[in-house]
């Protein structure tokens, strides 16, 4: 273990709102982590910060995935793109009795 000369600062950025899981929208700490911050050791504080960074990355990746999905839905196909392979209805239930040649 490395000697710590300075206390680990709080990751709080002053947003102070919680999501439905109880995590802060600003620093991504849970309620317990926020309440116990003063009582935690430096090692525990660093672990909390690492968990917060992981939560932030997960949230950002979910947002990116949603943005990519929305772009794909809204994207108009180009005439230069290869044609999509649509399945044709090849079932034999079609009645061509009234069709004249």
PDB file of N, CA and C in Angstrom:
ATOM      1  N   UNK A   1       0.832  -1.188   0.000  1.00  0.00           N
ATOM      2  CA  UNK A   1       0.000   0.000   0.000  1.00  0.00           C
ATOM      3  C   UNK A   1       0.869   1.241   0.000  1.00  0.00           C
ATOM      4  N   UNK A   2       0.450   2.204  -0.789  1.00  0.00           N
ATOM      5  CA  UNK A   2       1.200   3.442  -0.903  1.00  0.00           C
ATOM      6  C   UNK A   2       0.760   4.412   0.197  1.00  0.00           C
ATOM      7  N   UNK A   3       1.704   5.150   0.736  1.00  0.00           N
ATOM      8  CA  UNK A   3       1.360   6.134   1.755  1.00  0.00           C
ATOM      9  C   UNK A   3       0.548   7.265   1.139  1.00  0.00           C
ATOM     10  N   UNK A   4      -0.471   7.680   1.839  1.00  0.00           N
ATOM     11  CA  UNK A   4      -1.324   8.765   1.370  1.00  0.00           C
ATOM     12  C   UNK A   4      -1.047  10.006   2.199  1.00  0.00           C
ATOM     13  N   UNK A   5      -0.626  11.074   1.533  1.00  0.00           N
ATOM     14  CA  UNK A   5      -0.380  12.318   2.232  1.00  0.00           C
ATOM     15  C   UNK A   5      -1.610  13.225   2.242  1.00  0.00           C
ATOM     16  N   UNK A   6      -2.473  13.053   1.221  1.00  0.00           N
ATOM     17  CA  UNK A   6      -3.662  13.892   1.101  1.00  0.00           C
ATOM     18  C   UNK A   6      -4.889  13.004   1.072  1.00  0.00           C
ATOM     19  N   UNK A   7      -5.962  13.510   1.617  1.00  0.00           N
ATOM     20  CA  UNK A   7      -7.225  12.798   1.603  1.00  0.00           C
ATOM     21  C   UNK A   7      -7.791  12.807   0.176  1.00  0.00           C
ATOM     22  N   UNK A   8      -8.502  11.774  -0.169  1.00  0.00           N
ATOM     23  CA  UNK A   8      -9.110  11.668  -1.496  1.00  0.00           C
ATOM     24  C   UNK A   8     -10.291  12.628  -1.550  1.00  0.00           C
ATOM     25  N   UNK A   9     -10.301  13.558  -2.517  1.00  0.00           N
ATOM     26  CA  UNK A   9     -11.394  14.525  -2.585  1.00  0.00           C
ATOM     27  C   UNK A   9     -12.695  13.865  -3.047  1.00  0.00           C
ATOM     28  N   UNK A  10     -13.790  14.459  -2.655  1.00  0.00           N
ATOM     29  CA  UNK A  10     -15.104  13.957  -3.054  1.00  0.00           C
ATOM     30  C   UNK A  10     -15.299  14.159  -4.557  1.00  0.00           C
ATOM     31  N   UNK A  11     -15.906  13.187  -5.237  1.00  0.00           N
ATOM     32  CA  UNK A  11     -16.147  13.346  -6.676  1.00  0.00           C
ATOM     33  C   UNK A  11     -17.375  14.194  -6.979  1.00  0.00           C
ATOM     34  N   UNK A  12     -17.995  14.762  -5.967  1.00  0.00           N
ATOM     35  CA  UNK A  12     -19.215  15.546  -6.136  1.00  0.00           C
ATOM     36  C   UNK A  12     -18.967  16.722  -7.081  1.00  0.00           C
ATOM     37  N   UNK A  13     -19.901  16.906  -8.040  1.00  0.00           N
ATOM     38  CA  UNK A  13     -19.806  18.048  -8.954  1.00  0.00           C
ATOM     39  C   UNK A  13     -20.959  19.021  -8.747  1.00  0.00           C
ATOM     40  N   UNK A  14     -21.752  18.809  -7.690  1.00  0.00           N
ATOM     41  CA  UNK A  14     -22.794  19.746  -7.332  1.00  0.00           C
ATOM     42  C   UNK A  14     -24.127  19.549  -8.039  1.00  0.00           C
ATOM     43  N   UNK A  15     -24.342  18.420  -8.701  1.00  0.00           N
ATOM     44  CA  UNK A  15     -25.623  18.177  -9.359  1.00  0.00           C
ATOM     45  C   UNK A  15     -26.643  17.705  -8.333  1.00  0.00           C
ATOM     46  N   UNK A  16     -26.288  16.742  -7.521  1.00  0.00           N
ATOM     47  CA  UNK A  16     -27.079  16.296  -6.360  1.00  0.00           C
ATOM     48  C   UNK A  16     -28.522  15.931  -6.677  1.00  0.00           C
ATOM     49  N   UNK A  17     -28.713  15.135  -7.699  1.00  0.00           N
ATOM     50  CA  UNK A  17     -30.016  14.552  -8.018  1.00  0.00           C
ATOM     51  C   UNK A  17     -29.802  13.064  -8.200  1.00  0.00           C
ATOM     52  N   UNK A  18     -30.791  12.273  -7.797  1.00  0.00           N
ATOM     53  CA  UNK A  18     -30.658  10.818  -7.868  1.00  0.00           C
ATOM     54  C   UNK A  18     -31.538  10.248  -8.975  1.00  0.00           C
ATOM     55  N   UNK A  19     -31.063   9.170  -9.593  1.00  0.00           N
ATOM     56  CA  UNK A  19     -31.880   8.449 -10.563  1.00  0.00           C
ATOM     57  C   UNK A  19     -32.727   7.421  -9.827  1.00  0.00           C
ATOM     58  N   UNK A  20     -33.441   6.584 -10.563  1.00  0.00           N
ATOM     59  CA  UNK A  20     -34.324   5.604  -9.927  1.00  0.00           C
ATOM     60  C   UNK A  20     -33.565   4.524  -9.161  1.00  0.00           C
ATOM     61  N   UNK A  21     -32.283   4.355  -9.433  1.00  0.00           N
ATOM     62  CA  UNK A  21     -31.470   3.378  -8.704  1.00  0.00           C
ATOM     63  C   UNK A  21     -30.829   3.985  -7.459  1.00  0.00           C
ATOM     64  N   UNK A  22     -31.013   5.272  -7.254  1.00  0.00           N
ATOM     65  CA  UNK A  22     -30.424   5.935  -6.097  1.00  0.00           C
ATOM     66  C   UNK A  22     -29.018   6.440  -6.346  1.00  0.00           C
ATOM     67  N   UNK A  23     -28.579   6.416  -7.586  1.00  0.00           N
ATOM     68  CA  UNK A  23     -27.248   6.911  -7.914  1.00  0.00           C
ATOM     69  C   UNK A  23     -27.336   8.385  -8.281  1.00  0.00           C
ATOM     70  N   UNK A  24     -26.353   9.135  -7.855  1.00  0.00           N
ATOM     71  CA  UNK A  24     -26.300  10.559  -8.156  1.00  0.00           C
ATOM     72  C   UNK A  24     -26.095  10.750  -9.657  1.00  0.00           C
ATOM     73  N   UNK A  25     -26.827  11.682 -10.254  1.00  0.00           N
ATOM     74  CA  UNK A  25     -26.691  11.953 -11.681  1.00  0.00           C
ATOM     75  C   UNK A  25     -25.400  12.699 -12.008  1.00  0.00           C
ATOM     76  N   UNK A  26     -24.770  13.291 -11.008  1.00  0.00           N
ATOM     77  CA  UNK A  26     -23.533  14.031 -11.233  1.00  0.00           C
ATOM     78  C   UNK A  26     -22.285  13.194 -11.032  1.00  0.00           C
ATOM     79  N   UNK A  27     -22.170  12.552  -9.860  1.00  0.00           N
ATOM     80  CA  UNK A  27     -20.937  11.823  -9.532  1.00  0.00           C
ATOM     81  C   UNK A  27     -21.100  10.303  -9.598  1.00  0.00           C
ATOM     82  N   UNK A  28     -22.334   9.812  -9.754  1.00  0.00           N
ATOM     83  CA  UNK A  28     -22.648   8.389  -9.885  1.00  0.00           C
ATOM     84  C   UNK A  28     -22.419   7.576  -8.614  1.00  0.00           C
ATOM     85  N   UNK A  29     -22.363   8.247  -7.462  1.00  0.00           N
ATOM     86  CA  UNK A  29     -22.269   7.507  -6.208  1.00  0.00           C
ATOM     87  C   UNK A  29     -23.667   7.075  -5.764  1.00  0.00           C
ATOM     88  N   UNK A  30     -23.736   5.956  -5.056  1.00  0.00           N
ATOM     89  CA  UNK A  30     -25.009   5.506  -4.498  1.00  0.00           C
ATOM     90  C   UNK A  30     -25.311   6.317  -3.245  1.00  0.00           C
ATOM     91  N   UNK A  31     -26.509   6.152  -2.720  1.00  0.00           N
ATOM     92  CA  UNK A  31     -26.872   6.861  -1.486  1.00  0.00           C
ATOM     93  C   UNK A  31     -25.921   6.505  -0.343  1.00  0.00           C
ATOM     94  N   UNK A  32     -25.667   5.207  -0.198  1.00  0.00           N
ATOM     95  CA  UNK A  32     -24.770   4.767   0.883  1.00  0.00           C
ATOM     96  C   UNK A  32     -23.367   5.341   0.710  1.00  0.00           C
ATOM     97  N   UNK A  33     -22.875   5.345  -0.525  1.00  0.00           N
ATOM     98  CA  UNK A  33     -21.531   5.876  -0.766  1.00  0.00           C
ATOM     99  C   UNK A  33     -21.466   7.365  -0.441  1.00  0.00           C
ATOM    100  N   UNK A  34     -22.515   8.095  -0.753  1.00  0.00           N
ATOM    101  CA  UNK A  34     -22.543   9.538  -0.436  1.00  0.00           C
ATOM    102  C   UNK A  34     -22.623   9.763   1.071  1.00  0.00           C
ATOM    103  N   UNK A  35     -23.465   8.987   1.733  1.00  0.00           N
ATOM    104  CA  UNK A  35     -23.641   9.181   3.166  1.00  0.00           C
ATOM    105  C   UNK A  35     -22.415   8.754   3.971  1.00  0.00           C
ATOM    106  N   UNK A  36     -21.732   7.722   3.530  1.00  0.00           N
ATOM    107  CA  UNK A  36     -20.588   7.184   4.277  1.00  0.00           C
ATOM    108  C   UNK A  36     -19.246   7.758   3.834  1.00  0.00           C
ATOM    109  N   UNK A  37     -19.230   8.694   2.900  1.00  0.00           N
ATOM    110  CA  UNK A  37     -17.979   9.195   2.324  1.00  0.00           C
ATOM    111  C   UNK A  37     -17.001   9.671   3.399  1.00  0.00           C
ATOM    112  N   UNK A  38     -17.469  10.403   4.362  1.00  0.00           N
ATOM    113  CA  UNK A  38     -16.591  10.960   5.408  1.00  0.00           C
ATOM    114  C   UNK A  38     -15.955   9.848   6.239  1.00  0.00           C
ATOM    115  N   UNK A  39     -16.672   8.749   6.441  1.00  0.00           N
ATOM    116  CA  UNK A  39     -16.175   7.659   7.288  1.00  0.00           C
ATOM    117  C   UNK A  39     -15.302   6.653   6.543  1.00  0.00           C
ATOM    118  N   UNK A  40     -15.218   6.741   5.224  1.00  0.00           N
ATOM    119  CA  UNK A  40     -14.449   5.766   4.439  1.00  0.00           C
ATOM    120  C   UNK A  40     -12.951   6.034   4.526  1.00  0.00           C
ATOM    121  N   UNK A  41     -12.174   4.964   4.410  1.00  0.00           N
ATOM    122  CA  UNK A  41     -10.722   5.111   4.344  1.00  0.00           C
ATOM    123  C   UNK A  41     -10.343   5.594   2.942  1.00  0.00           C
ATOM    124  N   UNK A  42      -9.110   6.016   2.780  1.00  0.00           N
ATOM    125  CA  UNK A  42      -8.650   6.486   1.471  1.00  0.00           C
ATOM    126  C   UNK A  42      -8.759   5.393   0.414  1.00  0.00           C
ATOM    127  N   UNK A  43      -8.418   4.162   0.792  1.00  0.00           N
ATOM    128  CA  UNK A  43      -8.531   3.045  -0.152  1.00  0.00           C
ATOM    129  C   UNK A  43      -9.978   2.831  -0.580  1.00  0.00           C
ATOM    130  N   UNK A  44     -10.888   2.875   0.390  1.00  0.00           N
ATOM    131  CA  UNK A  44     -12.301   2.695   0.071  1.00  0.00           C
ATOM    132  C   UNK A  44     -12.830   3.839  -0.800  1.00  0.00           C
ATOM    133  N   UNK A  45     -12.351   5.045  -0.556  1.00  0.00           N
ATOM    134  CA  UNK A  45     -12.763   6.186  -1.371  1.00  0.00           C
ATOM    135  C   UNK A  45     -12.302   6.014  -2.810  1.00  0.00           C
ATOM    136  N   UNK A  46     -11.082   5.514  -2.994  1.00  0.00           N
ATOM    137  CA  UNK A  46     -10.571   5.286  -4.340  1.00  0.00           C
ATOM    138  C   UNK A  46     -11.372   4.189  -5.042  1.00  0.00           C
ATOM    139  N   UNK A  47     -11.782   3.174  -4.292  1.00  0.00           N
ATOM    140  CA  UNK A  47     -12.614   2.114  -4.864  1.00  0.00           C
ATOM    141  C   UNK A  47     -13.971   2.664  -5.287  1.00  0.00           C
ATOM    142  N   UNK A  48     -14.532   3.542  -4.470  1.00  0.00           N
ATOM    143  CA  UNK A  48     -15.818   4.159  -4.819  1.00  0.00           C
ATOM    144  C   UNK A  48     -15.671   4.972  -6.101  1.00  0.00           C
ATOM    145  N   UNK A  49     -14.587   5.721  -6.214  1.00  0.00           N
ATOM    146  CA  UNK A  49     -14.360   6.532  -7.411  1.00  0.00           C
ATOM    147  C   UNK A  49     -14.229   5.645  -8.640  1.00  0.00           C
ATOM    148  N   UNK A  50     -13.537   4.520  -8.516  1.00  0.00           N
ATOM    149  CA  UNK A  50     -13.409   3.593  -9.650  1.00  0.00           C
ATOM    150  C   UNK A  50     -14.772   3.036 -10.048  1.00  0.00           C
ATOM    151  N   UNK A  51     -15.603   2.694  -9.067  1.00  0.00           N
ATOM    152  CA  UNK A  51     -16.951   2.202  -9.372  1.00  0.00           C
ATOM    153  C   UNK A  51     -17.782   3.286 -10.052  1.00  0.00           C
ATOM    154  N   UNK A  52     -17.620   4.530  -9.607  1.00  0.00           N
ATOM    155  CA  UNK A  52     -18.345   5.642 -10.222  1.00  0.00           C
ATOM    156  C   UNK A  52     -17.944   5.823 -11.683  1.00  0.00           C
ATOM    157  N   UNK A  53     -16.648   5.695 -11.950  1.00  0.00           N
ATOM    158  CA  UNK A  53     -16.179   5.808 -13.335  1.00  0.00           C
ATOM    159  C   UNK A  53     -16.754   4.687 -14.196  1.00  0.00           C
ATOM    160  N   UNK A  54     -16.833   3.482 -13.650  1.00  0.00           N
ATOM    161  CA  UNK A  54     -17.429   2.365 -14.388  1.00  0.00           C
ATOM    162  C   UNK A  54     -18.903   2.627 -14.663  1.00  0.00           C
ATOM    163  N   UNK A  55     -19.618   3.150 -13.685  1.00  0.00           N
ATOM    164  CA  UNK A  55     -21.043   3.460 -13.882  1.00  0.00           C
ATOM    165  C   UNK A  55     -21.214   4.524 -14.962  1.00  0.00           C
ATOM    166  N   UNK A  56     -20.346   5.521 -14.947  1.00  0.00           N
ATOM    167  CA  UNK A  56     -20.420   6.592 -15.943  1.00  0.00           C
ATOM    168  C   UNK A  56     -20.172   6.032 -17.341  1.00  0.00           C
ATOM    169  N   UNK A  57     -19.181   5.160 -17.484  1.00  0.00           N
ATOM    170  CA  UNK A  57     -18.880   4.560 -18.793  1.00  0.00           C
ATOM    171  C   UNK A  57     -20.050   3.719 -19.287  1.00  0.00           C
ATOM    172  N   UNK A  58     -20.671   2.951 -18.382  1.00  0.00           N
ATOM    173  CA  UNK A  58     -21.828   2.143 -18.774  1.00  0.00           C
ATOM    174  C   UNK A  58     -22.967   3.023 -19.258  1.00  0.00           C
ATOM    175  N   UNK A  59     -23.205   4.114 -18.553  1.00  0.00           N
ATOM    176  CA  UNK A  59     -24.287   5.021 -18.948  1.00  0.00           C
ATOM    177  C   UNK A  59     -23.990   5.646 -20.306  1.00  0.00           C
ATOM    178  N   UNK A  60     -22.753   6.092 -20.506  1.00  0.00           N
ATOM    179  CA  UNK A  60     -22.380   6.707 -21.780  1.00  0.00           C
ATOM    180  C   UNK A  60     -22.484   5.712 -22.929  1.00  0.00           C
ATOM    181  N   UNK A  61     -22.112   4.454 -22.690  1.00  0.00           N
ATOM    182  CA  UNK A  61     -22.200   3.457 -23.764  1.00  0.00           C
ATOM    183  C   UNK A  61     -23.655   3.165 -24.109  1.00  0.00           C
ATOM    184  N   UNK A  62     -24.548   3.147 -23.107  1.00  0.00           N
ATOM    185  CA  UNK A  62     -25.966   2.948 -23.383  1.00  0.00           C
ATOM    186  C   UNK A  62     -26.525   4.101 -24.206  1.00  0.00           C
ATOM    187  N   UNK A  63     -26.093   5.315 -23.892  1.00  0.00           N
ATOM    188  CA  UNK A  63     -26.560   6.484 -24.639  1.00  0.00           C
ATOM    189  C   UNK A  63     -26.073   6.409 -26.081  1.00  0.00           C
ATOM    190  N   UNK A  64     -24.813   6.008 -26.287  1.00  0.00           N
ATOM    191  CA  UNK A  64     -24.269   5.896 -27.644  1.00  0.00           C
ATOM    192  C   UNK A  64     -25.022   4.835 -28.441  1.00  0.00           C
ATOM    193  N   UNK A  65     -25.334   3.716 -27.813  1.00  0.00           N
ATOM    194  CA  UNK A  65     -26.068   2.649 -28.493  1.00  0.00           C
ATOM    195  C   UNK A  65     -27.445   3.149 -28.919  1.00  0.00           C
ATOM    196  N   UNK A  66     -28.132   3.878 -28.031  1.00  0.00           N
ATOM    197  CA  UNK A  66     -29.449   4.419 -28.372  1.00  0.00           C
ATOM    198  C   UNK A  66     -29.348   5.410 -29.528  1.00  0.00           C
ATOM    199  N   UNK A  67     -28.310   6.251 -29.527  1.00  0.00           N
ATOM    200  CA  UNK A  67     -28.131   7.222 -30.606  1.00  0.00           C
ATOM    201  C   UNK A  67     -27.884   6.515 -31.929  1.00  0.00           C
ATOM    202  N   UNK A  68     -27.082   5.454 -31.916  1.00  0.00           N
ATOM    203  CA  UNK A  68     -26.799   4.707 -33.132  1.00  0.00           C
ATOM    204  C   UNK A  68     -28.063   4.042 -33.658  1.00  0.00           C
ATOM    205  N   UNK A  69     -28.866   3.480 -32.750  1.00  0.00           N
ATOM    206  CA  UNK A  69     -30.122   2.847 -33.158  1.00  0.00           C
ATOM    207  C   UNK A  69     -31.079   3.868 -33.752  1.00  0.00           C
ATOM    208  N   UNK A  70     -31.154   5.056 -33.162  1.00  0.00           N
ATOM    209  CA  UNK A  70     -32.031   6.094 -33.691  1.00  0.00           C
ATOM    210  C   UNK A  70     -31.562   6.563 -35.059  1.00  0.00           C
ATOM    211  N   UNK A  71     -30.247   6.697 -35.240  1.00  0.00           N
ATOM    212  CA  UNK A  71     -29.716   7.100 -36.539  1.00  0.00           C
ATOM    213  C   UNK A  71     -30.031   6.054 -37.595  1.00  0.00           C
ATOM    214  N   UNK A  72     -29.922   4.786 -37.222  1.00  0.00           N
ATOM    215  CA  UNK A  72     -30.205   3.715 -38.181  1.00  0.00           C
ATOM    216  C   UNK A  72     -31.679   3.712 -38.578  1.00  0.00           C
ATOM    217  N   UNK A  73     -32.572   4.001 -37.632  1.00  0.00           N
ATOM    218  CA  UNK A  73     -33.996   4.039 -37.941  1.00  0.00           C
ATOM    219  C   UNK A  73     -34.338   5.227 -38.833  1.00  0.00           C
ATOM    220  N   UNK A  74     -33.693   6.356 -38.611  1.00  0.00           N
ATOM    221  CA  UNK A  74     -34.011   7.578 -39.343  1.00  0.00           C
ATOM    222  C   UNK A  74     -33.244   7.721 -40.650  1.00  0.00           C
ATOM    223  N   UNK A  75     -32.310   6.852 -40.896  1.00  0.00           N
ATOM    224  CA  UNK A  75     -31.468   6.969 -42.076  1.00  0.00           C
ATOM    225  C   UNK A  75     -32.249   6.580 -43.322  1.00  0.00           C
ATOM    226  N   UNK A  76     -32.219   7.466 -44.315  1.00  0.00           N
ATOM    227  CA  UNK A  76     -32.870   7.176 -45.576  1.00  0.00           C
ATOM    228  C   UNK A  76     -31.887   6.386 -46.431  1.00  0.00           C
ATOM    229  N   UNK A  77     -32.347   5.285 -47.034  1.00  0.00           N
ATOM    230  CA  UNK A  77     -31.425   4.490 -47.848  1.00  0.00           C
ATOM    231  C   UNK A  77     -30.966   5.266 -49.084  1.00  0.00           C
ATOM    232  N   UNK A  78     -29.737   5.051 -49.444  1.00  0.00           N
ATOM    233  CA  UNK A  78     -29.155   5.702 -50.606  1.00  0.00           C
ATOM    234  C   UNK A  78     -29.389   4.847 -51.840  1.00  0.00           C
ATOM    235  N   UNK A  79     -29.467   5.491 -52.983  1.00  0.00           N
ATOM    236  CA  UNK A  79     -29.604   4.753 -54.237  1.00  0.00           C
ATOM    237  C   UNK A  79     -28.332   3.978 -54.566  1.00  0.00           C
ATOM    238  N   UNK A  80     -27.226   4.374 -53.945  1.00  0.00           N
ATOM    239  CA  UNK A  80     -25.951   3.711 -54.204  1.00  0.00           C
ATOM    240  C   UNK A  80     -25.731   2.503 -53.308  1.00  0.00           C
ATOM    241  N   UNK A  81     -26.555   2.362 -52.267  1.00  0.00           N
ATOM    242  CA  UNK A  81     -26.445   1.200 -51.384  1.00  0.00           C
ATOM    243  C   UNK A  81     -26.949  -0.038 -52.103  1.00  0.00           C
ATOM    244  N   UNK A  82     -26.380  -1.201 -51.800  1.00  0.00           N
ATOM    245  CA  UNK A  82     -26.904  -2.427 -52.410  1.00  0.00           C
ATOM    246  C   UNK A  82     -28.352  -2.645 -51.961  1.00  0.00           C
ATOM    247  N   UNK A  83     -29.160  -3.203 -52.833  1.00  0.00           N
ATOM    248  CA  UNK A  83     -30.569  -3.390 -52.470  1.00  0.00           C
ATOM    249  C   UNK A  83     -30.706  -4.357 -51.302  1.00  0.00           C
ATOM    250  N   UNK A  84     -31.680  -4.067 -50.458  1.00  0.00           N
ATOM    251  CA  UNK A  84     -31.933  -4.974 -49.343  1.00  0.00           C
ATOM    252  C   UNK A  84     -32.686  -6.175 -49.869  1.00  0.00           C
ATOM    253  N   UNK A  85     -32.452  -7.281 -49.240  1.00  0.00           N
ATOM    254  CA  UNK A  85     -33.083  -8.519 -49.691  1.00  0.00           C
ATOM    255  C   UNK A  85     -34.404  -8.682 -48.957  1.00  0.00           C
ATOM    256  N   UNK A  86     -35.465  -8.258 -49.611  1.00  0.00           N
ATOM    257  CA  UNK A  86     -36.789  -8.427 -49.036  1.00  0.00           C
ATOM    258  C   UNK A  86     -37.306  -9.804 -49.422  1.00  0.00           C
ATOM    259  N   UNK A  87     -37.935 -10.445 -48.487  1.00  0.00           N
ATOM    260  CA  UNK A  87     -38.481 -11.770 -48.760  1.00  0.00           C
ATOM    261  C   UNK A  87     -39.782 -11.615 -49.522  1.00  0.00           C
ATOM    262  N   UNK A  88     -39.909 -12.320 -50.605  1.00  0.00           N
ATOM    263  CA  UNK A  88     -41.135 -12.310 -51.378  1.00  0.00           C
ATOM    264  C   UNK A  88     -42.076 -13.372 -50.841  1.00  0.00           C
ATOM    265  N   UNK A  89     -43.344 -13.096 -50.972  1.00  0.00           N
ATOM    266  CA  UNK A  89     -44.338 -14.065 -50.536  1.00  0.00           C
ATOM    267  C   UNK A  89     -44.454 -15.131 -51.625  1.00  0.00           C
ATOM    268  N   UNK A  90     -43.877 -16.275 -51.374  1.00  0.00           N
ATOM    269  CA  UNK A  90     -43.884 -17.345 -52.371  1.00  0.00           C
ATOM    270  C   UNK A  90     -44.854 -18.454 -52.000  1.00  0.00           C
ATOM    271  N   UNK A  91     -45.752 -18.155 -51.086  1.00  0.00           N
ATOM    272  CA  UNK A  91     -46.698 -19.193 -50.700  1.00  0.00           C
ATOM    273  C   UNK A  91     -47.704 -19.434 -51.827  1.00  0.00           C
ATOM    274  N   UNK A  92     -48.298 -20.574 -51.829  1.00  0.00           N
ATOM    275  CA  UNK A  92     -49.221 -20.958 -52.900  1.00  0.00           C
ATOM    276  C   UNK A  92     -50.669 -20.623 -52.564  1.00  0.00           C
ATOM    277  N   UNK A  93     -50.921 -19.742 -51.588  1.00  0.00           N
ATOM    278  CA  UNK A  93     -52.307 -19.434 -51.241  1.00  0.00           C
ATOM    279  C   UNK A  93     -52.890 -18.346 -52.131  1.00  0.00           C
ATOM    280  N   UNK A  94     -52.142 -17.835 -53.091  1.00  0.00           N
ATOM    281  CA  UNK A  94     -52.650 -16.773 -53.943  1.00  0.00           C
ATOM    282  C   UNK A  94     -53.594 -17.360 -54.987  1.00  0.00           C
ATOM    283  N   UNK A  95     -54.698 -16.686 -55.196  1.00  0.00           N
ATOM    284  CA  UNK A  95     -55.694 -17.136 -56.160  1.00  0.00           C
ATOM    285  C   UNK A  95     -55.599 -16.262 -57.401  1.00  0.00           C
ATOM    286  N   UNK A  96     -55.188 -16.852 -58.515  1.00  0.00           N
ATOM    287  CA  UNK A  96     -55.089 -16.131 -59.777  1.00  0.00           C
ATOM    288  C   UNK A  96     -56.225 -16.521 -60.723  1.00  0.00           C
ATOM    289  N   UNK A  97     -57.334 -16.994 -60.182  1.00  0.00           N
ATOM    290  CA  UNK A  97     -58.452 -17.447 -61.006  1.00  0.00           C
ATOM    291  C   UNK A  97     -59.053 -16.340 -61.845  1.00  0.00           C
ATOM    292  N   UNK A  98     -59.086 -15.104 -61.335  1.00  0.00           N
ATOM    293  CA  UNK A  98     -59.708 -14.015 -62.065  1.00  0.00           C
ATOM    294  C   UNK A  98     -58.716 -13.291 -62.975  1.00  0.00           C
ATOM    295  N   UNK A  99     -57.494 -13.727 -63.001  1.00  0.00           N
ATOM    296  CA  UNK A  99     -56.449 -13.066 -63.772  1.00  0.00           C
ATOM    297  C   UNK A  99     -56.546 -13.506 -65.236  1.00  0.00           C
ATOM    298  N   UNK A 100     -56.576 -12.525 -66.141  1.00  0.00           N
ATOM    299  CA  UNK A 100     -56.661 -12.834 -67.575  1.00  0.00           C
ATOM    300  C   UNK A 100     -55.377 -12.470 -68.242  1.00  0.00           C
ATOM    301  N   UNK A 101     -54.986 -13.275 -69.233  1.00  0.00           N
ATOM    302  CA  UNK A 101     -53.798 -12.989 -70.011  1.00  0.00           C
ATOM    303  C   UNK A 101     -54.159 -12.307 -71.294  1.00  0.00           C
TER     304      UNK A 101
END
